[in-house]
N, C-alpha and C. Protein backbone atom coordinates (compact mmCIF):
# COMPACT_ATOMS: atom_id res chain seq x y z
N MET A 1 2.98 21.61 1.70
CA MET A 1 3.64 22.45 0.74
C MET A 1 2.63 23.30 -0.03
N GLU A 2 1.34 23.02 0.16
CA GLU A 2 0.31 23.75 -0.55
C GLU A 2 0.16 25.16 -0.01
N GLN A 3 -0.07 26.12 -0.90
CA GLN A 3 -0.26 27.50 -0.48
C GLN A 3 -1.52 27.61 0.37
N GLN A 4 -1.45 28.40 1.43
CA GLN A 4 -2.53 28.43 2.41
C GLN A 4 -3.84 28.93 1.81
N TRP A 5 -3.78 29.91 0.91
CA TRP A 5 -5.02 30.42 0.32
C TRP A 5 -5.76 29.32 -0.43
N LEU A 6 -5.01 28.45 -1.09
CA LEU A 6 -5.62 27.36 -1.84
C LEU A 6 -6.24 26.34 -0.89
N ASN A 7 -5.56 26.08 0.22
CA ASN A 7 -6.08 25.17 1.23
C ASN A 7 -7.39 25.70 1.80
N TRP A 8 -7.42 27.00 2.11
CA TRP A 8 -8.66 27.61 2.63
C TRP A 8 -9.80 27.50 1.61
N ALA A 9 -9.50 27.80 0.35
CA ALA A 9 -10.53 27.76 -0.68
C ALA A 9 -11.10 26.34 -0.82
N LYS A 10 -10.24 25.35 -0.78
CA LYS A 10 -10.69 23.96 -0.91
C LYS A 10 -11.55 23.57 0.29
N GLN A 11 -11.14 23.97 1.48
CA GLN A 11 -11.90 23.61 2.67
C GLN A 11 -13.28 24.27 2.65
N LEU A 12 -13.32 25.54 2.26
CA LEU A 12 -14.61 26.23 2.17
C LEU A 12 -15.51 25.58 1.13
N GLN A 13 -14.93 25.20 -0.01
CA GLN A 13 -15.71 24.53 -1.05
C GLN A 13 -16.25 23.21 -0.54
N ALA A 14 -15.46 22.44 0.20
CA ALA A 14 -15.91 21.15 0.72
C ALA A 14 -17.03 21.33 1.74
N ILE A 15 -16.89 22.33 2.62
CA ILE A 15 -17.94 22.61 3.61
C ILE A 15 -19.23 23.00 2.91
N ALA A 16 -19.11 23.87 1.90
CA ALA A 16 -20.29 24.33 1.18
C ALA A 16 -20.96 23.18 0.44
N GLN A 17 -20.17 22.33 -0.19
CA GLN A 17 -20.72 21.22 -0.96
C GLN A 17 -21.48 20.26 -0.07
N ALA A 18 -20.91 19.95 1.10
CA ALA A 18 -21.61 19.06 2.03
C ALA A 18 -22.88 19.71 2.56
N GLY A 19 -22.78 21.00 2.88
CA GLY A 19 -23.96 21.70 3.39
C GLY A 19 -25.09 21.76 2.39
N LEU A 20 -24.75 22.02 1.13
CA LEU A 20 -25.77 22.09 0.09
C LEU A 20 -26.37 20.72 -0.18
N THR A 21 -25.63 19.67 0.11
CA THR A 21 -26.12 18.31 -0.11
C THR A 21 -27.07 17.85 0.98
N TYR A 22 -26.73 18.14 2.22
CA TYR A 22 -27.46 17.55 3.35
C TYR A 22 -28.43 18.49 4.06
N SER A 23 -28.28 19.80 3.87
CA SER A 23 -29.15 20.74 4.57
C SER A 23 -30.53 20.81 3.91
N LYS A 24 -31.56 21.01 4.73
CA LYS A 24 -32.92 21.13 4.23
C LYS A 24 -33.47 22.53 4.44
N ASP A 25 -32.95 23.22 5.45
CA ASP A 25 -33.43 24.56 5.78
C ASP A 25 -33.02 25.56 4.69
N ILE A 26 -33.96 26.35 4.21
CA ILE A 26 -33.69 27.27 3.12
C ILE A 26 -32.63 28.31 3.49
N TYR A 27 -32.63 28.73 4.76
CA TYR A 27 -31.66 29.73 5.20
C TYR A 27 -30.25 29.13 5.29
N ASP A 28 -30.17 27.89 5.74
CA ASP A 28 -28.87 27.22 5.75
C ASP A 28 -28.33 27.03 4.33
N LEU A 29 -29.22 26.70 3.41
CA LEU A 29 -28.80 26.53 2.01
C LEU A 29 -28.24 27.83 1.46
N GLU A 30 -28.86 28.94 1.82
CA GLU A 30 -28.36 30.24 1.37
C GLU A 30 -26.98 30.52 1.95
N ARG A 31 -26.79 30.17 3.23
CA ARG A 31 -25.50 30.39 3.88
C ARG A 31 -24.41 29.55 3.21
N PHE A 32 -24.72 28.29 2.92
CA PHE A 32 -23.72 27.43 2.29
C PHE A 32 -23.41 27.88 0.86
N GLU A 33 -24.41 28.42 0.17
CA GLU A 33 -24.15 28.96 -1.16
C GLU A 33 -23.24 30.18 -1.06
N SER A 34 -23.42 30.97 0.00
CA SER A 34 -22.53 32.13 0.22
C SER A 34 -21.09 31.67 0.48
N ILE A 35 -20.95 30.59 1.27
CA ILE A 35 -19.61 30.05 1.55
C ILE A 35 -18.96 29.58 0.25
N ARG A 36 -19.75 28.91 -0.60
CA ARG A 36 -19.21 28.45 -1.89
C ARG A 36 -18.75 29.65 -2.73
N ASN A 37 -19.53 30.72 -2.73
CA ASN A 37 -19.16 31.90 -3.50
C ASN A 37 -17.87 32.53 -2.97
N ILE A 38 -17.68 32.49 -1.66
CA ILE A 38 -16.43 33.02 -1.08
C ILE A 38 -15.25 32.19 -1.57
N SER A 39 -15.43 30.88 -1.61
CA SER A 39 -14.34 30.02 -2.09
C SER A 39 -14.02 30.34 -3.55
N LEU A 40 -15.04 30.63 -4.35
CA LEU A 40 -14.82 30.99 -5.75
C LEU A 40 -14.09 32.32 -5.87
N GLU A 41 -14.44 33.27 -5.02
CA GLU A 41 -13.78 34.57 -5.05
C GLU A 41 -12.31 34.46 -4.68
N ILE A 42 -12.01 33.59 -3.70
CA ILE A 42 -10.61 33.38 -3.32
C ILE A 42 -9.83 32.81 -4.49
N MET A 43 -10.38 31.79 -5.12
CA MET A 43 -9.71 31.17 -6.26
C MET A 43 -9.52 32.17 -7.40
N SER A 44 -10.56 32.96 -7.68
CA SER A 44 -10.48 33.93 -8.76
C SER A 44 -9.46 35.02 -8.47
N GLU A 45 -9.42 35.48 -7.23
CA GLU A 45 -8.50 36.56 -6.85
C GLU A 45 -7.05 36.14 -7.03
N PHE A 46 -6.73 34.91 -6.64
CA PHE A 46 -5.33 34.49 -6.68
C PHE A 46 -4.91 33.89 -8.02
N THR A 47 -5.87 33.40 -8.81
CA THR A 47 -5.53 32.81 -10.10
C THR A 47 -5.81 33.73 -11.27
N LYS A 48 -6.61 34.80 -11.04
CA LYS A 48 -7.00 35.74 -12.09
C LYS A 48 -7.85 35.08 -13.17
N VAL A 49 -8.55 34.01 -12.78
CA VAL A 49 -9.45 33.33 -13.69
C VAL A 49 -10.88 33.71 -13.35
N ASP A 50 -11.72 33.92 -14.37
CA ASP A 50 -13.09 34.33 -14.17
C ASP A 50 -13.84 33.33 -13.28
N THR A 51 -14.68 33.85 -12.39
CA THR A 51 -15.38 32.98 -11.43
C THR A 51 -16.31 31.98 -12.12
N THR A 52 -16.84 32.34 -13.29
CA THR A 52 -17.72 31.41 -14.01
C THR A 52 -16.96 30.16 -14.42
N ILE A 53 -15.74 30.33 -14.90
CA ILE A 53 -14.91 29.20 -15.29
C ILE A 53 -14.52 28.39 -14.06
N ILE A 54 -14.16 29.08 -12.98
CA ILE A 54 -13.77 28.39 -11.75
C ILE A 54 -14.93 27.58 -11.20
N ARG A 55 -16.14 28.14 -11.27
CA ARG A 55 -17.31 27.40 -10.77
C ARG A 55 -17.48 26.09 -11.54
N GLU A 56 -17.27 26.13 -12.85
CA GLU A 56 -17.43 24.93 -13.67
C GLU A 56 -16.36 23.88 -13.35
N LEU A 57 -15.14 24.35 -13.04
CA LEU A 57 -14.03 23.43 -12.81
C LEU A 57 -13.88 23.01 -11.35
N PHE A 58 -14.18 23.94 -10.44
CA PHE A 58 -13.83 23.78 -9.04
C PHE A 58 -15.03 23.50 -8.15
N ALA A 59 -16.17 24.07 -8.49
CA ALA A 59 -17.35 23.95 -7.62
C ALA A 59 -18.52 23.36 -8.40
N ASN A 60 -18.24 22.31 -9.16
CA ASN A 60 -19.26 21.74 -10.03
C ASN A 60 -19.79 20.40 -9.55
N GLU A 61 -19.32 19.95 -8.38
CA GLU A 61 -19.73 18.63 -7.91
C GLU A 61 -20.78 18.72 -6.83
N THR A 62 -21.50 17.62 -6.66
CA THR A 62 -22.50 17.54 -5.60
C THR A 62 -22.18 16.33 -4.73
N GLY A 63 -22.89 16.23 -3.60
CA GLY A 63 -22.61 15.15 -2.68
C GLY A 63 -21.47 15.51 -1.74
N TYR A 64 -21.12 14.59 -0.88
CA TYR A 64 -20.05 14.83 0.08
C TYR A 64 -18.72 14.93 -0.67
N ALA A 65 -17.96 15.98 -0.38
CA ALA A 65 -16.69 16.21 -1.07
C ALA A 65 -15.63 15.22 -0.60
N THR A 66 -15.00 14.53 -1.54
CA THR A 66 -13.91 13.61 -1.22
C THR A 66 -12.75 13.85 -2.19
N PRO A 67 -11.53 13.43 -1.82
CA PRO A 67 -10.39 13.61 -2.72
C PRO A 67 -10.56 12.82 -4.01
N LYS A 68 -9.99 13.34 -5.08
CA LYS A 68 -9.90 12.59 -6.32
C LYS A 68 -8.71 11.63 -6.24
N VAL A 69 -8.72 10.60 -7.06
CA VAL A 69 -7.65 9.61 -7.05
C VAL A 69 -6.96 9.57 -8.40
N ASP A 70 -5.65 9.73 -8.39
CA ASP A 70 -4.82 9.66 -9.59
C ASP A 70 -3.96 8.41 -9.50
N ILE A 71 -4.00 7.56 -10.52
CA ILE A 71 -3.24 6.31 -10.53
C ILE A 71 -2.05 6.46 -11.47
N ARG A 72 -0.84 6.11 -10.99
CA ARG A 72 0.36 6.16 -11.82
C ARG A 72 1.02 4.78 -11.82
N ALA A 73 1.37 4.30 -13.01
CA ALA A 73 2.00 2.99 -13.15
C ALA A 73 3.51 3.14 -13.22
N VAL A 74 4.20 2.30 -12.47
CA VAL A 74 5.66 2.28 -12.45
C VAL A 74 6.13 1.01 -13.13
N VAL A 75 6.80 1.15 -14.27
CA VAL A 75 7.22 0.00 -15.07
C VAL A 75 8.71 0.11 -15.36
N PHE A 76 9.45 -0.95 -15.07
CA PHE A 76 10.89 -0.96 -15.31
C PHE A 76 11.27 -1.96 -16.39
N LYS A 77 12.32 -1.62 -17.11
CA LYS A 77 12.92 -2.53 -18.09
C LYS A 77 14.42 -2.24 -18.14
N ASP A 78 15.22 -3.24 -17.87
CA ASP A 78 16.68 -3.07 -17.85
C ASP A 78 17.10 -1.92 -16.92
N GLU A 79 16.43 -1.87 -15.76
CA GLU A 79 16.71 -0.87 -14.72
C GLU A 79 16.45 0.56 -15.18
N LYS A 80 15.59 0.70 -16.17
CA LYS A 80 15.14 2.02 -16.61
C LYS A 80 13.63 2.09 -16.44
N ILE A 81 13.12 3.30 -16.23
CA ILE A 81 11.70 3.48 -15.94
C ILE A 81 10.95 3.96 -17.17
N LEU A 82 9.76 3.41 -17.37
CA LEU A 82 8.91 3.77 -18.50
C LEU A 82 8.25 5.12 -18.25
N MET A 83 8.34 6.02 -19.25
CA MET A 83 7.67 7.30 -19.17
C MET A 83 7.09 7.64 -20.54
N VAL A 84 6.05 8.46 -20.52
CA VAL A 84 5.41 8.90 -21.76
C VAL A 84 5.42 10.42 -21.82
N LYS A 85 5.54 10.96 -23.02
CA LYS A 85 5.56 12.41 -23.21
C LYS A 85 4.15 12.90 -23.41
N GLU A 86 3.71 13.78 -22.51
CA GLU A 86 2.34 14.29 -22.54
C GLU A 86 2.20 15.38 -23.61
N LYS A 87 1.16 15.27 -24.44
CA LYS A 87 0.93 16.28 -25.46
C LYS A 87 0.58 17.64 -24.87
N THR A 88 -0.06 17.64 -23.71
CA THR A 88 -0.54 18.90 -23.13
C THR A 88 0.59 19.83 -22.72
N ASP A 89 1.68 19.30 -22.18
CA ASP A 89 2.77 20.17 -21.73
C ASP A 89 4.14 19.77 -22.28
N GLN A 90 4.16 18.77 -23.18
CA GLN A 90 5.42 18.33 -23.80
C GLN A 90 6.46 17.91 -22.77
N SER A 91 6.00 17.36 -21.68
CA SER A 91 6.88 16.87 -20.61
C SER A 91 6.53 15.41 -20.32
N TRP A 92 7.38 14.77 -19.52
CA TRP A 92 7.29 13.33 -19.35
C TRP A 92 6.66 12.92 -18.02
N ALA A 93 5.91 11.83 -18.07
CA ALA A 93 5.21 11.35 -16.87
C ALA A 93 5.12 9.83 -16.88
N LEU A 94 4.92 9.27 -15.70
CA LEU A 94 4.55 7.87 -15.60
C LEU A 94 3.17 7.69 -16.23
N PRO A 95 2.91 6.62 -16.94
CA PRO A 95 1.58 6.41 -17.48
C PRO A 95 0.54 6.44 -16.35
N GLY A 96 -0.59 7.07 -16.61
CA GLY A 96 -1.61 7.12 -15.56
C GLY A 96 -2.68 8.15 -15.83
N GLY A 97 -3.60 8.26 -14.87
CA GLY A 97 -4.70 9.21 -14.97
C GLY A 97 -5.66 9.02 -13.81
N TRP A 98 -6.81 9.67 -13.93
CA TRP A 98 -7.83 9.56 -12.88
C TRP A 98 -8.33 8.13 -12.76
N GLY A 99 -8.69 7.75 -11.53
CA GLY A 99 -9.32 6.46 -11.32
C GLY A 99 -10.66 6.40 -12.05
N ASP A 100 -11.01 5.22 -12.55
CA ASP A 100 -12.26 5.03 -13.29
C ASP A 100 -13.28 4.29 -12.44
N ILE A 101 -14.52 4.74 -12.51
CA ILE A 101 -15.60 4.05 -11.83
C ILE A 101 -15.73 2.63 -12.40
N GLY A 102 -15.79 1.63 -11.53
CA GLY A 102 -15.95 0.25 -11.95
C GLY A 102 -14.64 -0.51 -12.12
N LEU A 103 -13.51 0.20 -12.04
CA LEU A 103 -12.20 -0.45 -12.17
C LEU A 103 -11.43 -0.34 -10.86
N THR A 104 -10.69 -1.38 -10.54
CA THR A 104 -9.82 -1.33 -9.37
C THR A 104 -8.60 -0.47 -9.70
N PRO A 105 -7.85 -0.02 -8.67
CA PRO A 105 -6.62 0.73 -8.96
C PRO A 105 -5.67 -0.04 -9.87
N ALA A 106 -5.51 -1.34 -9.63
CA ALA A 106 -4.62 -2.15 -10.47
C ALA A 106 -5.11 -2.17 -11.91
N GLU A 107 -6.41 -2.30 -12.10
CA GLU A 107 -6.96 -2.33 -13.46
C GLU A 107 -6.76 -1.00 -14.17
N VAL A 108 -6.87 0.09 -13.43
CA VAL A 108 -6.62 1.41 -14.03
C VAL A 108 -5.17 1.53 -14.47
N ALA A 109 -4.24 1.09 -13.62
CA ALA A 109 -2.82 1.16 -13.95
C ALA A 109 -2.53 0.38 -15.23
N VAL A 110 -3.07 -0.83 -15.34
CA VAL A 110 -2.86 -1.67 -16.52
C VAL A 110 -3.44 -0.99 -17.76
N LYS A 111 -4.65 -0.47 -17.64
CA LYS A 111 -5.32 0.19 -18.77
C LYS A 111 -4.54 1.41 -19.24
N GLU A 112 -4.08 2.24 -18.30
CA GLU A 112 -3.38 3.47 -18.67
C GLU A 112 -2.05 3.17 -19.37
N VAL A 113 -1.34 2.14 -18.91
CA VAL A 113 -0.07 1.79 -19.55
C VAL A 113 -0.33 1.37 -21.00
N GLN A 114 -1.35 0.55 -21.21
CA GLN A 114 -1.65 0.08 -22.57
C GLN A 114 -2.05 1.25 -23.47
N GLU A 115 -2.92 2.12 -22.96
CA GLU A 115 -3.42 3.23 -23.77
C GLU A 115 -2.35 4.26 -24.07
N GLU A 116 -1.46 4.52 -23.12
CA GLU A 116 -0.50 5.62 -23.27
C GLU A 116 0.86 5.18 -23.79
N SER A 117 1.20 3.88 -23.65
CA SER A 117 2.54 3.45 -24.06
C SER A 117 2.55 2.28 -25.03
N GLY A 118 1.45 1.55 -25.12
CA GLY A 118 1.38 0.40 -26.00
C GLY A 118 1.76 -0.92 -25.34
N PHE A 119 2.31 -0.89 -24.14
CA PHE A 119 2.73 -2.12 -23.48
C PHE A 119 1.58 -2.76 -22.69
N ASP A 120 1.58 -4.09 -22.68
CA ASP A 120 0.66 -4.85 -21.84
C ASP A 120 1.41 -5.19 -20.55
N VAL A 121 0.78 -4.93 -19.42
CA VAL A 121 1.45 -5.16 -18.13
C VAL A 121 0.50 -5.84 -17.16
N LYS A 122 1.09 -6.34 -16.07
CA LYS A 122 0.29 -6.81 -14.94
C LYS A 122 0.77 -6.06 -13.70
N ALA A 123 -0.18 -5.70 -12.85
CA ALA A 123 0.14 -4.97 -11.62
C ALA A 123 0.68 -5.96 -10.58
N VAL A 124 1.77 -5.58 -9.90
CA VAL A 124 2.40 -6.52 -8.96
C VAL A 124 2.61 -5.95 -7.56
N LYS A 125 2.62 -4.62 -7.41
CA LYS A 125 3.00 -4.09 -6.10
C LYS A 125 2.55 -2.64 -5.94
N LEU A 126 2.04 -2.31 -4.77
CA LEU A 126 1.74 -0.92 -4.43
C LEU A 126 3.01 -0.27 -3.88
N ILE A 127 3.46 0.79 -4.52
CA ILE A 127 4.66 1.49 -4.09
C ILE A 127 4.34 2.57 -3.08
N GLY A 128 3.24 3.28 -3.30
CA GLY A 128 2.93 4.33 -2.33
C GLY A 128 1.62 5.03 -2.64
N VAL A 129 1.10 5.70 -1.63
CA VAL A 129 -0.08 6.56 -1.74
C VAL A 129 0.31 7.91 -1.16
N VAL A 130 0.28 8.94 -2.00
CA VAL A 130 0.71 10.26 -1.54
C VAL A 130 -0.43 11.26 -1.66
N ASP A 131 -0.39 12.24 -0.79
CA ASP A 131 -1.32 13.36 -0.85
C ASP A 131 -0.63 14.46 -1.63
N LYS A 132 -1.22 14.88 -2.73
CA LYS A 132 -0.58 15.82 -3.63
C LYS A 132 -0.15 17.11 -2.94
N LYS A 133 -0.91 17.52 -1.91
CA LYS A 133 -0.58 18.78 -1.23
C LYS A 133 0.74 18.70 -0.47
N CYS A 134 1.21 17.49 -0.18
CA CYS A 134 2.44 17.30 0.60
C CYS A 134 3.69 17.26 -0.27
N HIS A 135 3.53 17.44 -1.57
CA HIS A 135 4.64 17.30 -2.50
C HIS A 135 4.70 18.51 -3.42
N PRO A 136 5.86 18.77 -4.04
CA PRO A 136 6.04 20.01 -4.81
C PRO A 136 5.38 20.01 -6.19
N HIS A 137 4.07 19.76 -6.21
CA HIS A 137 3.29 19.90 -7.43
C HIS A 137 2.79 21.34 -7.55
N PRO A 138 2.44 21.79 -8.75
CA PRO A 138 1.81 23.10 -8.89
C PRO A 138 0.46 23.10 -8.18
N PRO A 139 -0.07 24.28 -7.84
CA PRO A 139 -1.39 24.34 -7.19
C PRO A 139 -2.46 23.65 -8.03
N SER A 140 -3.37 22.97 -7.35
CA SER A 140 -4.45 22.25 -8.03
C SER A 140 -5.78 22.59 -7.34
N PRO A 141 -6.87 22.75 -8.10
CA PRO A 141 -8.15 23.07 -7.48
C PRO A 141 -8.77 21.91 -6.73
N TYR A 142 -8.24 20.71 -6.96
CA TYR A 142 -8.78 19.52 -6.30
C TYR A 142 -7.80 18.96 -5.27
N HIS A 143 -8.35 18.32 -4.25
CA HIS A 143 -7.53 17.58 -3.30
C HIS A 143 -7.33 16.20 -3.91
N VAL A 144 -6.08 15.79 -4.11
CA VAL A 144 -5.80 14.58 -4.88
C VAL A 144 -4.92 13.61 -4.09
N TYR A 145 -5.32 12.34 -4.07
CA TYR A 145 -4.47 11.26 -3.60
C TYR A 145 -3.88 10.59 -4.84
N LYS A 146 -2.58 10.33 -4.81
CA LYS A 146 -1.91 9.69 -5.94
C LYS A 146 -1.42 8.30 -5.53
N MET A 147 -1.78 7.30 -6.31
CA MET A 147 -1.37 5.92 -6.04
C MET A 147 -0.35 5.50 -7.09
N PHE A 148 0.79 4.98 -6.62
CA PHE A 148 1.84 4.50 -7.52
C PHE A 148 1.89 2.97 -7.44
N ILE A 149 1.65 2.32 -8.58
CA ILE A 149 1.54 0.87 -8.62
C ILE A 149 2.59 0.31 -9.58
N GLN A 150 3.44 -0.57 -9.07
CA GLN A 150 4.48 -1.17 -9.91
C GLN A 150 3.86 -2.27 -10.78
N CYS A 151 4.26 -2.28 -12.05
CA CYS A 151 3.74 -3.25 -13.00
C CYS A 151 4.89 -3.90 -13.76
N GLU A 152 4.63 -5.09 -14.31
CA GLU A 152 5.62 -5.81 -15.11
C GLU A 152 5.11 -5.97 -16.53
N ILE A 153 5.99 -5.79 -17.50
CA ILE A 153 5.62 -5.94 -18.91
C ILE A 153 5.40 -7.42 -19.24
N VAL A 154 4.28 -7.71 -19.90
CA VAL A 154 3.98 -9.09 -20.31
C VAL A 154 3.78 -9.18 -21.82
N GLY A 155 3.80 -8.04 -22.51
CA GLY A 155 3.62 -8.06 -23.95
C GLY A 155 3.50 -6.65 -24.51
N GLY A 156 3.14 -6.55 -25.77
CA GLY A 156 2.97 -5.27 -26.42
C GLY A 156 4.28 -4.67 -26.88
N GLU A 157 4.21 -3.46 -27.42
CA GLU A 157 5.39 -2.75 -27.88
C GLU A 157 5.14 -1.25 -27.77
N ALA A 158 6.21 -0.48 -27.74
CA ALA A 158 6.10 0.97 -27.56
C ALA A 158 5.25 1.58 -28.66
N LYS A 159 4.23 2.34 -28.24
CA LYS A 159 3.33 2.99 -29.19
C LYS A 159 2.67 4.17 -28.51
N GLU A 160 2.75 5.34 -29.12
CA GLU A 160 2.15 6.53 -28.54
C GLU A 160 0.63 6.41 -28.53
N GLY A 161 0.00 7.16 -27.61
CA GLY A 161 -1.44 7.12 -27.49
C GLY A 161 -2.09 8.43 -27.88
N MET A 162 -3.38 8.55 -27.60
CA MET A 162 -4.12 9.76 -27.94
C MET A 162 -3.59 10.98 -27.18
N GLU A 163 -3.12 10.77 -25.94
CA GLU A 163 -2.66 11.88 -25.11
C GLU A 163 -1.15 11.96 -25.02
N THR A 164 -0.45 11.02 -25.67
CA THR A 164 1.01 10.98 -25.56
C THR A 164 1.66 11.03 -26.94
N SER A 165 2.82 11.66 -27.02
CA SER A 165 3.50 11.83 -28.31
C SER A 165 4.78 11.01 -28.42
N SER A 166 5.22 10.39 -27.32
CA SER A 166 6.44 9.59 -27.36
C SER A 166 6.48 8.67 -26.15
N VAL A 167 7.24 7.59 -26.29
CA VAL A 167 7.40 6.60 -25.22
C VAL A 167 8.89 6.33 -25.04
N GLY A 168 9.35 6.25 -23.79
CA GLY A 168 10.76 6.00 -23.57
C GLY A 168 11.05 5.39 -22.22
N PHE A 169 12.25 4.82 -22.09
CA PHE A 169 12.73 4.30 -20.81
C PHE A 169 13.94 5.13 -20.39
N PHE A 170 14.01 5.50 -19.12
CA PHE A 170 15.03 6.42 -18.65
C PHE A 170 15.73 5.90 -17.41
N ALA A 171 17.04 6.13 -17.37
CA ALA A 171 17.84 5.74 -16.21
C ALA A 171 17.61 6.72 -15.07
N GLU A 172 17.89 6.27 -13.87
CA GLU A 172 17.65 7.09 -12.67
C GLU A 172 18.41 8.40 -12.71
N ASN A 173 19.60 8.40 -13.28
CA ASN A 173 20.43 9.61 -13.33
C ASN A 173 20.33 10.35 -14.66
N ASP A 174 19.32 10.00 -15.46
CA ASP A 174 19.17 10.64 -16.77
C ASP A 174 17.69 10.83 -17.09
N LEU A 175 16.98 11.48 -16.18
CA LEU A 175 15.55 11.68 -16.35
C LEU A 175 15.27 12.84 -17.31
N PRO A 176 14.19 12.77 -18.06
CA PRO A 176 13.81 13.86 -18.95
C PRO A 176 13.11 14.98 -18.17
N LYS A 177 12.67 16.01 -18.87
CA LYS A 177 11.88 17.07 -18.25
C LYS A 177 10.55 16.49 -17.78
N LEU A 178 10.29 16.58 -16.48
CA LEU A 178 9.11 15.93 -15.91
C LEU A 178 7.87 16.82 -15.99
N SER A 179 6.72 16.17 -16.16
CA SER A 179 5.43 16.85 -16.08
C SER A 179 5.06 16.93 -14.59
N ILE A 180 5.44 18.02 -13.96
CA ILE A 180 5.34 18.15 -12.50
C ILE A 180 3.90 18.04 -11.97
N PRO A 181 2.87 18.47 -12.71
CA PRO A 181 1.52 18.23 -12.18
C PRO A 181 1.23 16.74 -12.00
N ARG A 182 1.93 15.89 -12.74
CA ARG A 182 1.66 14.45 -12.71
C ARG A 182 2.61 13.68 -11.81
N ASN A 183 3.89 14.05 -11.83
CA ASN A 183 4.87 13.36 -10.97
C ASN A 183 6.09 14.23 -10.73
N THR A 184 6.67 14.08 -9.56
CA THR A 184 7.84 14.87 -9.18
C THR A 184 9.09 13.99 -9.21
N GLU A 185 10.24 14.63 -9.16
CA GLU A 185 11.49 13.87 -9.16
C GLU A 185 11.59 12.97 -7.93
N SER A 186 11.14 13.47 -6.78
CA SER A 186 11.20 12.65 -5.56
C SER A 186 10.32 11.41 -5.68
N GLN A 187 9.21 11.50 -6.40
CA GLN A 187 8.35 10.34 -6.58
C GLN A 187 8.98 9.33 -7.54
N ILE A 188 9.69 9.82 -8.54
CA ILE A 188 10.42 8.92 -9.43
C ILE A 188 11.54 8.22 -8.65
N GLN A 189 12.20 8.98 -7.77
CA GLN A 189 13.25 8.39 -6.93
C GLN A 189 12.67 7.31 -6.02
N LEU A 190 11.47 7.54 -5.51
CA LEU A 190 10.80 6.54 -4.69
C LEU A 190 10.59 5.25 -5.48
N ALA A 191 10.21 5.40 -6.74
CA ALA A 191 10.01 4.22 -7.60
C ALA A 191 11.31 3.45 -7.75
N PHE A 192 12.41 4.15 -8.00
CA PHE A 192 13.70 3.47 -8.15
C PHE A 192 14.15 2.83 -6.84
N LYS A 193 13.76 3.42 -5.71
CA LYS A 193 14.08 2.84 -4.42
C LYS A 193 13.48 1.45 -4.30
N HIS A 194 12.27 1.28 -4.80
CA HIS A 194 11.62 -0.02 -4.77
C HIS A 194 12.25 -0.99 -5.77
N LEU A 195 12.77 -0.45 -6.88
CA LEU A 195 13.48 -1.30 -7.83
C LEU A 195 14.73 -1.89 -7.19
N HIS A 196 15.49 -1.05 -6.48
CA HIS A 196 16.74 -1.49 -5.87
C HIS A 196 16.53 -2.30 -4.60
N ASN A 197 15.36 -2.10 -3.96
CA ASN A 197 15.05 -2.80 -2.71
C ASN A 197 13.66 -3.42 -2.82
N PRO A 198 13.53 -4.58 -3.44
CA PRO A 198 12.21 -5.20 -3.66
C PRO A 198 11.36 -5.38 -2.40
N GLY A 199 12.03 -5.47 -1.25
CA GLY A 199 11.29 -5.66 -0.01
C GLY A 199 10.83 -4.37 0.63
N GLU A 200 11.09 -3.24 0.00
CA GLU A 200 10.71 -1.94 0.55
C GLU A 200 9.19 -1.88 0.75
N ILE A 201 8.77 -1.38 1.91
CA ILE A 201 7.33 -1.29 2.17
C ILE A 201 6.75 -0.07 1.48
N ALA A 202 5.45 -0.09 1.27
CA ALA A 202 4.77 1.00 0.58
C ALA A 202 4.85 2.29 1.40
N TYR A 203 5.07 3.39 0.70
CA TYR A 203 5.10 4.72 1.34
C TYR A 203 3.69 5.27 1.40
N PHE A 204 3.39 6.04 2.44
CA PHE A 204 2.13 6.77 2.47
C PHE A 204 2.29 8.04 3.28
N ASP A 205 1.52 9.08 2.90
CA ASP A 205 1.51 10.34 3.66
C ASP A 205 0.52 10.22 4.81
């Protein structure tokens, strides 16, 4: 579902990043830097954002290029799903964020729920691993894998966090305005599918 120009820009950036990491020949390094600049020009042309800003956000990493990992926690109470209102876009999302170095996916899910909603949970089940490009998210400069992990409440109480302004539980047929960069309606439906069918196997792209 990803726009082709964005896919090309990401692939060129990944090729350039790997080349700049592993190449020793000065002429090859120049060629890979040129490829990186082309990827920046593509991004700038289609987003109308200055190339300097894009370089800082999009082409600022070294080493072999790999997808980023976004962890989302799925928590149910009375057949309603826990969501938090994001301050950045005033829309609702499953608690979550980027994976942290030194923490397992389950540990990240538990941490994010506590920080963003106030609830203490334990991770119990992997619901799915999706590739963001395969779902109707807005364009993103990074290639992202999203992990959805079901958790159970073991304590705590609803409390907004530094990045969230409200906490709520929502029925499947009464969802709030979703923060689409973070989660889509089909992904929320997938979560409810696991609620209704505990034996459902994990989804993956």
